[in-house]
């Protein structure tokens, strides 16, 4: 028999019992840049060679961490409602901040 546990509250759910899946993907945003005529006229071979060399040196110095990360969570119906009200849980973060009175 399949048992699913809510990743927020720990409630155990049986097969056939309603539950929900939250999938989150975190990746770096890249803004598209506009290509100009000057970009098309330049010879970029030397710049590309330098970039490759820099990347090889950087790979040796810094351990690799994937740019994108995927997460999957199982939620019970009550935790789904709570999650949908505040997916980033900003209320909990704002409540913990302690601002000075100056």
PDB file of N, CA and C in Angstrom:
ATOM      1  N   UNK A   1       0.843  -1.183   0.000  1.00  0.00           N
ATOM      2  CA  UNK A   1       0.000   0.000   0.000  1.00  0.00           C
ATOM      3  C   UNK A   1       0.891   1.249   0.000  1.00  0.00           C
ATOM      4  N   UNK A   2       0.510   2.224  -0.775  1.00  0.00           N
ATOM      5  CA  UNK A   2       1.276   3.456  -0.899  1.00  0.00           C
ATOM      6  C   UNK A   2       0.881   4.425   0.213  1.00  0.00           C
ATOM      7  N   UNK A   3       1.870   4.946   0.897  1.00  0.00           N
ATOM      8  CA  UNK A   3       1.640   5.957   1.931  1.00  0.00           C
ATOM      9  C   UNK A   3       2.357   7.233   1.509  1.00  0.00           C
ATOM     10  N   UNK A   4       1.667   8.339   1.649  1.00  0.00           N
ATOM     11  CA  UNK A   4       2.247   9.639   1.310  1.00  0.00           C
ATOM     12  C   UNK A   4       2.208  10.486   2.574  1.00  0.00           C
ATOM     13  N   UNK A   5       3.282  11.218   2.813  1.00  0.00           N
ATOM     14  CA  UNK A   5       3.371  12.088   3.977  1.00  0.00           C
ATOM     15  C   UNK A   5       3.422  13.535   3.512  1.00  0.00           C
ATOM     16  N   UNK A   6       2.620  14.384   4.139  1.00  0.00           N
ATOM     17  CA  UNK A   6       2.636  15.809   3.812  1.00  0.00           C
ATOM     18  C   UNK A   6       3.992  16.377   4.216  1.00  0.00           C
ATOM     19  N   UNK A   7       4.633  17.062   3.286  1.00  0.00           N
ATOM     20  CA  UNK A   7       5.962  17.607   3.547  1.00  0.00           C
ATOM     21  C   UNK A   7       5.936  18.846   4.445  1.00  0.00           C
ATOM     22  N   UNK A   8       4.745  19.408   4.720  1.00  0.00           N
ATOM     23  CA  UNK A   8       4.673  20.552   5.631  1.00  0.00           C
ATOM     24  C   UNK A   8       4.309  20.141   7.059  1.00  0.00           C
ATOM     25  N   UNK A   9       3.219  19.392   7.208  1.00  0.00           N
ATOM     26  CA  UNK A   9       2.751  19.082   8.570  1.00  0.00           C
ATOM     27  C   UNK A   9       3.081  17.667   9.012  1.00  0.00           C
ATOM     28  N   UNK A  10       3.490  16.800   8.088  1.00  0.00           N
ATOM     29  CA  UNK A  10       3.849  15.438   8.447  1.00  0.00           C
ATOM     30  C   UNK A  10       2.689  14.462   8.497  1.00  0.00           C
ATOM     31  N   UNK A  11       1.475  14.911   8.141  1.00  0.00           N
ATOM     32  CA  UNK A  11       0.303  14.033   8.150  1.00  0.00           C
ATOM     33  C   UNK A  11       0.500  12.895   7.159  1.00  0.00           C
ATOM     34  N   UNK A  12       0.183  11.667   7.588  1.00  0.00           N
ATOM     35  CA  UNK A  12       0.286  10.503   6.711  1.00  0.00           C
ATOM     36  C   UNK A  12      -1.041  10.330   5.983  1.00  0.00           C
ATOM     37  N   UNK A  13      -0.968  10.165   4.660  1.00  0.00           N
ATOM     38  CA  UNK A  13      -2.166   9.979   3.845  1.00  0.00           C
ATOM     39  C   UNK A  13      -2.099   8.621   3.168  1.00  0.00           C
ATOM     40  N   UNK A  14      -3.246   7.980   3.051  1.00  0.00           N
ATOM     41  CA  UNK A  14      -3.322   6.668   2.422  1.00  0.00           C
ATOM     42  C   UNK A  14      -3.571   6.823   0.928  1.00  0.00           C
ATOM     43  N   UNK A  15      -3.320   5.745   0.188  1.00  0.00           N
ATOM     44  CA  UNK A  15      -3.592   5.731  -1.251  1.00  0.00           C
ATOM     45  C   UNK A  15      -5.068   6.050  -1.473  1.00  0.00           C
ATOM     46  N   UNK A  16      -5.341   6.887  -2.452  1.00  0.00           N
ATOM     47  CA  UNK A  16      -6.711   7.270  -2.763  1.00  0.00           C
ATOM     48  C   UNK A  16      -7.173   8.503  -2.008  1.00  0.00           C
ATOM     49  N   UNK A  17      -6.507   8.841  -0.944  1.00  0.00           N
ATOM     50  CA  UNK A  17      -6.839  10.047  -0.183  1.00  0.00           C
ATOM     51  C   UNK A  17      -6.334  11.251  -0.972  1.00  0.00           C
ATOM     52  N   UNK A  18      -7.118  12.335  -1.015  1.00  0.00           N
ATOM     53  CA  UNK A  18      -6.671  13.484  -1.816  1.00  0.00           C
ATOM     54  C   UNK A  18      -5.385  14.100  -1.257  1.00  0.00           C
ATOM     55  N   UNK A  19      -4.474  14.391  -2.141  1.00  0.00           N
ATOM     56  CA  UNK A  19      -3.257  15.110  -1.791  1.00  0.00           C
ATOM     57  C   UNK A  19      -2.814  15.897  -3.011  1.00  0.00           C
ATOM     58  N   UNK A  20      -1.865  16.780  -2.818  1.00  0.00           N
ATOM     59  CA  UNK A  20      -1.441  17.695  -3.877  1.00  0.00           C
ATOM     60  C   UNK A  20       0.071  17.681  -4.002  1.00  0.00           C
ATOM     61  N   UNK A  21       0.545  17.979  -5.197  1.00  0.00           N
ATOM     62  CA  UNK A  21       1.974  18.018  -5.476  1.00  0.00           C
ATOM     63  C   UNK A  21       2.348  19.444  -5.857  1.00  0.00           C
ATOM     64  N   UNK A  22       3.384  19.966  -5.229  1.00  0.00           N
ATOM     65  CA  UNK A  22       3.939  21.277  -5.573  1.00  0.00           C
ATOM     66  C   UNK A  22       5.294  21.034  -6.208  1.00  0.00           C
ATOM     67  N   UNK A  23       5.484  21.562  -7.418  1.00  0.00           N
ATOM     68  CA  UNK A  23       6.776  21.468  -8.092  1.00  0.00           C
ATOM     69  C   UNK A  23       7.319  22.875  -8.254  1.00  0.00           C
ATOM     70  N   UNK A  24       8.561  23.062  -7.863  1.00  0.00           N
ATOM     71  CA  UNK A  24       9.199  24.372  -7.933  1.00  0.00           C
ATOM     72  C   UNK A  24      10.484  24.230  -8.734  1.00  0.00           C
ATOM     73  N   UNK A  25      10.690  25.152  -9.666  1.00  0.00           N
ATOM     74  CA  UNK A  25      11.927  25.189 -10.443  1.00  0.00           C
ATOM     75  C   UNK A  25      12.579  26.545 -10.210  1.00  0.00           C
ATOM     76  N   UNK A  26      13.836  26.528  -9.812  1.00  0.00           N
ATOM     77  CA  UNK A  26      14.571  27.762  -9.555  1.00  0.00           C
ATOM     78  C   UNK A  26      15.721  27.825 -10.545  1.00  0.00           C
ATOM     79  N   UNK A  27      15.774  28.925 -11.319  1.00  0.00           N
ATOM     80  CA  UNK A  27      16.831  29.074 -12.309  1.00  0.00           C
ATOM     81  C   UNK A  27      17.145  30.542 -12.505  1.00  0.00           C
ATOM     82  N   UNK A  28      18.325  30.804 -13.022  1.00  0.00           N
ATOM     83  CA  UNK A  28      18.753  32.186 -13.250  1.00  0.00           C
ATOM     84  C   UNK A  28      17.956  32.783 -14.402  1.00  0.00           C
ATOM     85  N   UNK A  29      17.501  33.995 -14.215  1.00  0.00           N
ATOM     86  CA  UNK A  29      16.781  34.703 -15.270  1.00  0.00           C
ATOM     87  C   UNK A  29      17.795  35.381 -16.190  1.00  0.00           C
ATOM     88  N   UNK A  30      17.552  35.275 -17.459  1.00  0.00           N
ATOM     89  CA  UNK A  30      18.427  35.909 -18.442  1.00  0.00           C
ATOM     90  C   UNK A  30      17.596  36.862 -19.283  1.00  0.00           C
ATOM     91  N   UNK A  31      17.991  38.114 -19.258  1.00  0.00           N
ATOM     92  CA  UNK A  31      17.310  39.100 -20.077  1.00  0.00           C
ATOM     93  C   UNK A  31      17.878  39.048 -21.483  1.00  0.00           C
ATOM     94  N   UNK A  32      16.990  39.046 -22.441  1.00  0.00           N
ATOM     95  CA  UNK A  32      17.432  39.043 -23.834  1.00  0.00           C
ATOM     96  C   UNK A  32      18.052  40.399 -24.162  1.00  0.00           C
ATOM     97  N   UNK A  33      19.174  40.367 -24.828  1.00  0.00           N
ATOM     98  CA  UNK A  33      19.805  41.618 -25.237  1.00  0.00           C
ATOM     99  C   UNK A  33      19.540  41.843 -26.719  1.00  0.00           C
ATOM    100  N   UNK A  34      19.550  43.076 -27.093  1.00  0.00           N
ATOM    101  CA  UNK A  34      19.299  43.425 -28.488  1.00  0.00           C
ATOM    102  C   UNK A  34      20.610  43.359 -29.268  1.00  0.00           C
ATOM    103  N   UNK A  35      20.580  42.722 -30.419  1.00  0.00           N
ATOM    104  CA  UNK A  35      21.757  42.625 -31.279  1.00  0.00           C
ATOM    105  C   UNK A  35      21.762  43.827 -32.216  1.00  0.00           C
ATOM    106  N   UNK A  36      22.906  44.503 -32.269  1.00  0.00           N
ATOM    107  CA  UNK A  36      23.045  45.680 -33.130  1.00  0.00           C
ATOM    108  C   UNK A  36      23.888  45.327 -34.352  1.00  0.00           C
ATOM    109  N   UNK A  37      23.940  46.235 -35.302  1.00  0.00           N
ATOM    110  CA  UNK A  37      24.778  46.046 -36.499  1.00  0.00           C
ATOM    111  C   UNK A  37      26.243  45.916 -36.119  1.00  0.00           C
ATOM    112  N   UNK A  38      26.681  46.674 -35.115  1.00  0.00           N
ATOM    113  CA  UNK A  38      28.079  46.616 -34.666  1.00  0.00           C
ATOM    114  C   UNK A  38      28.402  45.220 -34.133  1.00  0.00           C
ATOM    115  N   UNK A  39      27.443  44.599 -33.444  1.00  0.00           N
ATOM    116  CA  UNK A  39      27.656  43.245 -32.946  1.00  0.00           C
ATOM    117  C   UNK A  39      27.863  42.267 -34.093  1.00  0.00           C
ATOM    118  N   UNK A  40      27.109  42.436 -35.156  1.00  0.00           N
ATOM    119  CA  UNK A  40      27.204  41.530 -36.297  1.00  0.00           C
ATOM    120  C   UNK A  40      28.494  41.741 -37.088  1.00  0.00           C
ATOM    121  N   UNK A  41      29.004  42.960 -37.082  1.00  0.00           N
ATOM    122  CA  UNK A  41      30.217  43.277 -37.845  1.00  0.00           C
ATOM    123  C   UNK A  41      31.492  42.827 -37.132  1.00  0.00           C
ATOM    124  N   UNK A  42      31.468  42.702 -35.808  1.00  0.00           N
ATOM    125  CA  UNK A  42      32.671  42.342 -35.056  1.00  0.00           C
ATOM    126  C   UNK A  42      33.033  40.875 -35.258  1.00  0.00           C
ATOM    127  N   UNK A  43      34.358  40.599 -35.157  1.00  0.00           N
ATOM    128  CA  UNK A  43      34.855  39.224 -35.181  1.00  0.00           C
ATOM    129  C   UNK A  43      35.009  38.782 -33.733  1.00  0.00           C
ATOM    130  N   UNK A  44      34.181  37.851 -33.299  1.00  0.00           N
ATOM    131  CA  UNK A  44      34.133  37.463 -31.900  1.00  0.00           C
ATOM    132  C   UNK A  44      34.969  36.226 -31.576  1.00  0.00           C
ATOM    133  N   UNK A  45      35.734  35.720 -32.515  1.00  0.00           N
ATOM    134  CA  UNK A  45      36.513  34.497 -32.311  1.00  0.00           C
ATOM    135  C   UNK A  45      37.488  34.646 -31.135  1.00  0.00           C
ATOM    136  N   UNK A  46      38.214  35.765 -31.091  1.00  0.00           N
ATOM    137  CA  UNK A  46      39.188  35.974 -30.010  1.00  0.00           C
ATOM    138  C   UNK A  46      38.484  36.092 -28.659  1.00  0.00           C
ATOM    139  N   UNK A  47      37.364  36.812 -28.635  1.00  0.00           N
ATOM    140  CA  UNK A  47      36.621  36.976 -27.385  1.00  0.00           C
ATOM    141  C   UNK A  47      36.082  35.628 -26.897  1.00  0.00           C
ATOM    142  N   UNK A  48      35.613  34.788 -27.805  1.00  0.00           N
ATOM    143  CA  UNK A  48      35.098  33.472 -27.437  1.00  0.00           C
ATOM    144  C   UNK A  48      36.233  32.605 -26.882  1.00  0.00           C
ATOM    145  N   UNK A  49      37.396  32.647 -27.521  1.00  0.00           N
ATOM    146  CA  UNK A  49      38.549  31.898 -27.026  1.00  0.00           C
ATOM    147  C   UNK A  49      38.932  32.314 -25.621  1.00  0.00           C
ATOM    148  N   UNK A  50      38.908  33.611 -25.346  1.00  0.00           N
ATOM    149  CA  UNK A  50      39.229  34.125 -24.015  1.00  0.00           C
ATOM    150  C   UNK A  50      38.173  33.672 -23.005  1.00  0.00           C
ATOM    151  N   UNK A  51      36.908  33.695 -23.399  1.00  0.00           N
ATOM    152  CA  UNK A  51      35.838  33.261 -22.506  1.00  0.00           C
ATOM    153  C   UNK A  51      35.993  31.776 -22.144  1.00  0.00           C
ATOM    154  N   UNK A  52      36.345  30.963 -23.128  1.00  0.00           N
ATOM    155  CA  UNK A  52      36.545  29.533 -22.870  1.00  0.00           C
ATOM    156  C   UNK A  52      37.698  29.327 -21.902  1.00  0.00           C
ATOM    157  N   UNK A  53      38.782  30.059 -22.110  1.00  0.00           N
ATOM    158  CA  UNK A  53      39.930  29.948 -21.215  1.00  0.00           C
ATOM    159  C   UNK A  53      39.550  30.380 -19.797  1.00  0.00           C
ATOM    160  N   UNK A  54      38.816  31.480 -19.677  1.00  0.00           N
ATOM    161  CA  UNK A  54      38.376  31.961 -18.366  1.00  0.00           C
ATOM    162  C   UNK A  54      37.478  30.941 -17.674  1.00  0.00           C
ATOM    163  N   UNK A  55      36.585  30.301 -18.434  1.00  0.00           N
ATOM    164  CA  UNK A  55      35.681  29.305 -17.872  1.00  0.00           C
ATOM    165  C   UNK A  55      36.454  28.086 -17.378  1.00  0.00           C
ATOM    166  N   UNK A  56      37.456  27.666 -18.119  1.00  0.00           N
ATOM    167  CA  UNK A  56      38.254  26.524 -17.699  1.00  0.00           C
ATOM    168  C   UNK A  56      38.991  26.823 -16.403  1.00  0.00           C
ATOM    169  N   UNK A  57      39.543  28.026 -16.284  1.00  0.00           N
ATOM    170  CA  UNK A  57      40.221  28.419 -15.056  1.00  0.00           C
ATOM    171  C   UNK A  57      39.238  28.530 -13.894  1.00  0.00           C
ATOM    172  N   UNK A  58      38.050  29.041 -14.166  1.00  0.00           N
ATOM    173  CA  UNK A  58      37.031  29.201 -13.137  1.00  0.00           C
ATOM    174  C   UNK A  58      36.541  27.842 -12.657  1.00  0.00           C
ATOM    175  N   UNK A  59      36.388  26.877 -13.570  1.00  0.00           N
ATOM    176  CA  UNK A  59      35.939  25.531 -13.209  1.00  0.00           C
ATOM    177  C   UNK A  59      36.877  24.887 -12.202  1.00  0.00           C
ATOM    178  N   UNK A  60      38.161  25.153 -12.322  1.00  0.00           N
ATOM    179  CA  UNK A  60      39.133  24.576 -11.403  1.00  0.00           C
ATOM    180  C   UNK A  60      39.056  25.226 -10.030  1.00  0.00           C
ATOM    181  N   UNK A  61      38.700  26.498  -9.984  1.00  0.00           N
ATOM    182  CA  UNK A  61      38.714  27.245  -8.727  1.00  0.00           C
ATOM    183  C   UNK A  61      37.416  27.101  -7.928  1.00  0.00           C
ATOM    184  N   UNK A  62      36.289  26.973  -8.606  1.00  0.00           N
ATOM    185  CA  UNK A  62      34.990  26.979  -7.932  1.00  0.00           C
ATOM    186  C   UNK A  62      34.280  25.656  -8.187  1.00  0.00           C
ATOM    187  N   UNK A  63      33.788  25.002  -7.128  1.00  0.00           N
ATOM    188  CA  UNK A  63      33.042  23.760  -7.345  1.00  0.00           C
ATOM    189  C   UNK A  63      31.754  24.031  -8.127  1.00  0.00           C
ATOM    190  N   UNK A  64      31.382  23.081  -8.954  1.00  0.00           N
ATOM    191  CA  UNK A  64      30.212  23.230  -9.824  1.00  0.00           C
ATOM    192  C   UNK A  64      28.920  23.143  -9.018  1.00  0.00           C
ATOM    193  N   UNK A  65      28.037  24.084  -9.229  1.00  0.00           N
ATOM    194  CA  UNK A  65      26.688  24.023  -8.674  1.00  0.00           C
ATOM    195  C   UNK A  65      25.724  24.244  -9.820  1.00  0.00           C
ATOM    196  N   UNK A  66      24.782  23.338 -10.010  1.00  0.00           N
ATOM    197  CA  UNK A  66      23.880  23.479 -11.151  1.00  0.00           C
ATOM    198  C   UNK A  66      23.117  24.788 -11.094  1.00  0.00           C
ATOM    199  N   UNK A  67      22.900  25.351 -12.263  1.00  0.00           N
ATOM    200  CA  UNK A  67      22.212  26.633 -12.344  1.00  0.00           C
ATOM    201  C   UNK A  67      20.733  26.487 -12.002  1.00  0.00           C
ATOM    202  N   UNK A  68      20.125  25.391 -12.403  1.00  0.00           N
ATOM    203  CA  UNK A  68      18.704  25.168 -12.141  1.00  0.00           C
ATOM    204  C   UNK A  68      18.540  24.097 -11.073  1.00  0.00           C
ATOM    205  N   UNK A  69      17.524  24.274 -10.232  1.00  0.00           N
ATOM    206  CA  UNK A  69      17.204  23.281  -9.197  1.00  0.00           C
ATOM    207  C   UNK A  69      15.705  23.021  -9.257  1.00  0.00           C
ATOM    208  N   UNK A  70      15.319  21.783  -9.077  1.00  0.00           N
ATOM    209  CA  UNK A  70      13.915  21.389  -9.060  1.00  0.00           C
ATOM    210  C   UNK A  70      13.576  20.787  -7.709  1.00  0.00           C
ATOM    211  N   UNK A  71      12.392  21.119  -7.213  1.00  0.00           N
ATOM    212  CA  UNK A  71      11.914  20.616  -5.942  1.00  0.00           C
ATOM    213  C   UNK A  71      10.508  20.054  -6.129  1.00  0.00           C
ATOM    214  N   UNK A  72      10.161  19.010  -5.348  1.00  0.00           N
ATOM    215  CA  UNK A  72       8.825  18.413  -5.405  1.00  0.00           C
ATOM    216  C   UNK A  72       8.367  18.147  -3.978  1.00  0.00           C
ATOM    217  N   UNK A  73       7.146  18.601  -3.658  1.00  0.00           N
ATOM    218  CA  UNK A  73       6.605  18.430  -2.321  1.00  0.00           C
ATOM    219  C   UNK A  73       5.178  17.876  -2.403  1.00  0.00           C
ATOM    220  N   UNK A  74       4.834  16.976  -1.485  1.00  0.00           N
ATOM    221  CA  UNK A  74       3.473  16.462  -1.350  1.00  0.00           C
ATOM    222  C   UNK A  74       2.798  17.226  -0.223  1.00  0.00           C
ATOM    223  N   UNK A  75       1.548  17.674  -0.462  1.00  0.00           N
ATOM    224  CA  UNK A  75       0.813  18.431   0.542  1.00  0.00           C
ATOM    225  C   UNK A  75      -0.560  17.822   0.786  1.00  0.00           C
ATOM    226  N   UNK A  76      -1.002  17.847   2.039  1.00  0.00           N
ATOM    227  CA  UNK A  76      -2.369  17.457   2.372  1.00  0.00           C
ATOM    228  C   UNK A  76      -3.289  18.630   1.978  1.00  0.00           C
ATOM    229  N   UNK A  77      -4.611  18.432   1.927  1.00  0.00           N
ATOM    230  CA  UNK A  77      -5.509  19.519   1.527  1.00  0.00           C
ATOM    231  C   UNK A  77      -5.384  20.783   2.386  1.00  0.00           C
ATOM    232  N   UNK A  78      -5.222  20.643   3.700  1.00  0.00           N
ATOM    233  CA  UNK A  78      -5.113  21.820   4.574  1.00  0.00           C
ATOM    234  C   UNK A  78      -3.836  22.604   4.283  1.00  0.00           C
ATOM    235  N   UNK A  79      -2.719  21.909   4.090  1.00  0.00           N
ATOM    236  CA  UNK A  79      -1.454  22.590   3.803  1.00  0.00           C
ATOM    237  C   UNK A  79      -1.457  23.203   2.406  1.00  0.00           C
ATOM    238  N   UNK A  80      -2.182  22.596   1.481  1.00  0.00           N
ATOM    239  CA  UNK A  80      -2.327  23.171   0.135  1.00  0.00           C
ATOM    240  C   UNK A  80      -2.982  24.552   0.240  1.00  0.00           C
ATOM    241  N   UNK A  81      -4.053  24.650   1.031  1.00  0.00           N
ATOM    242  CA  UNK A  81      -4.736  25.941   1.204  1.00  0.00           C
ATOM    243  C   UNK A  81      -3.782  26.971   1.794  1.00  0.00           C
ATOM    244  N   UNK A  82      -3.034  26.558   2.826  1.00  0.00           N
ATOM    245  CA  UNK A  82      -2.067  27.461   3.470  1.00  0.00           C
ATOM    246  C   UNK A  82      -0.994  27.891   2.477  1.00  0.00           C
ATOM    247  N   UNK A  83      -0.506  26.950   1.691  1.00  0.00           N
ATOM    248  CA  UNK A  83       0.541  27.245   0.703  1.00  0.00           C
ATOM    249  C   UNK A  83       0.037  28.222  -0.354  1.00  0.00           C
ATOM    250  N   UNK A  84      -1.184  28.026  -0.844  1.00  0.00           N
ATOM    251  CA  UNK A  84      -1.721  28.893  -1.891  1.00  0.00           C
ATOM    252  C   UNK A  84      -1.970  30.317  -1.389  1.00  0.00           C
ATOM    253  N   UNK A  85      -2.252  30.481  -0.103  1.00  0.00           N
ATOM    254  CA  UNK A  85      -2.433  31.828   0.460  1.00  0.00           C
ATOM    255  C   UNK A  85      -1.123  32.599   0.506  1.00  0.00           C
ATOM    256  N   UNK A  86      -0.002  31.903   0.752  1.00  0.00           N
ATOM    257  CA  UNK A  86       1.296  32.579   0.873  1.00  0.00           C
ATOM    258  C   UNK A  86       2.400  31.637   0.398  1.00  0.00           C
ATOM    259  N   UNK A  87       2.560  31.467  -0.928  1.00  0.00           N
ATOM    260  CA  UNK A  87       3.558  30.523  -1.447  1.00  0.00           C
ATOM    261  C   UNK A  87       4.984  30.815  -0.993  1.00  0.00           C
ATOM    262  N   UNK A  88       5.325  32.082  -0.795  1.00  0.00           N
ATOM    263  CA  UNK A  88       6.677  32.432  -0.371  1.00  0.00           C
ATOM    264  C   UNK A  88       6.779  32.630   1.135  1.00  0.00           C
ATOM    265  N   UNK A  89       5.674  32.467   1.841  1.00  0.00           N
ATOM    266  CA  UNK A  89       5.640  32.583   3.297  1.00  0.00           C
ATOM    267  C   UNK A  89       6.218  33.915   3.769  1.00  0.00           C
ATOM    268  N   UNK A  90       5.884  34.980   3.053  1.00  0.00           N
ATOM    269  CA  UNK A  90       6.437  36.294   3.371  1.00  0.00           C
ATOM    270  C   UNK A  90       5.985  36.798   4.740  1.00  0.00           C
ATOM    271  N   UNK A  91       4.792  36.415   5.182  1.00  0.00           N
ATOM    272  CA  UNK A  91       4.299  36.885   6.484  1.00  0.00           C
ATOM    273  C   UNK A  91       5.223  36.422   7.604  1.00  0.00           C
ATOM    274  N   UNK A  92       5.702  35.202   7.526  1.00  0.00           N
ATOM    275  CA  UNK A  92       6.588  34.676   8.567  1.00  0.00           C
ATOM    276  C   UNK A  92       7.909  35.424   8.583  1.00  0.00           C
ATOM    277  N   UNK A  93       8.414  35.789   7.420  1.00  0.00           N
ATOM    278  CA  UNK A  93       9.681  36.506   7.334  1.00  0.00           C
ATOM    279  C   UNK A  93       9.525  37.929   7.846  1.00  0.00           C
ATOM    280  N   UNK A  94       8.463  38.623   7.426  1.00  0.00           N
ATOM    281  CA  UNK A  94       8.246  40.010   7.854  1.00  0.00           C
ATOM    282  C   UNK A  94       8.032  40.065   9.354  1.00  0.00           C
ATOM    283  N   UNK A  95       7.331  39.097   9.934  1.00  0.00           N
ATOM    284  CA  UNK A  95       7.091  39.076  11.366  1.00  0.00           C
ATOM    285  C   UNK A  95       8.357  38.901  12.180  1.00  0.00           C
ATOM    286  N   UNK A  96       9.398  38.313  11.607  1.00  0.00           N
ATOM    287  CA  UNK A  96      10.637  38.063  12.339  1.00  0.00           C
ATOM    288  C   UNK A  96      11.616  39.224  12.231  1.00  0.00           C
ATOM    289  N   UNK A  97      11.382  40.172  11.354  1.00  0.00           N
ATOM    290  CA  UNK A  97      12.290  41.292  11.196  1.00  0.00           C
ATOM    291  C   UNK A  97      12.160  42.240  12.380  1.00  0.00           C
ATOM    292  N   UNK A  98      13.258  42.752  12.858  1.00  0.00           N
ATOM    293  CA  UNK A  98      13.267  43.657  13.999  1.00  0.00           C
ATOM    294  C   UNK A  98      13.881  44.974  13.540  1.00  0.00           C
ATOM    295  N   UNK A  99      13.023  45.959  13.240  1.00  0.00           N
ATOM    296  CA  UNK A  99      13.501  47.243  12.746  1.00  0.00           C
ATOM    297  C   UNK A  99      13.790  48.175  13.910  1.00  0.00           C
ATOM    298  N   UNK A 100      14.862  48.954  13.776  1.00  0.00           N
ATOM    299  CA  UNK A 100      15.163  49.955  14.803  1.00  0.00           C
ATOM    300  C   UNK A 100      14.197  51.117  14.667  1.00  0.00           C
ATOM    301  N   UNK A 101      14.096  51.935  15.705  1.00  0.00           N
ATOM    302  CA  UNK A 101      13.130  53.033  15.695  1.00  0.00           C
ATOM    303  C   UNK A 101      13.786  54.377  15.385  1.00  0.00           C
ATOM    304  N   UNK A 102      14.819  54.391  14.566  1.00  0.00           N
ATOM    305  CA  UNK A 102      15.458  55.674  14.237  1.00  0.00           C
ATOM    306  C   UNK A 102      14.985  56.202  12.944  1.00  0.00           C
TER     307      UNK A 102
END
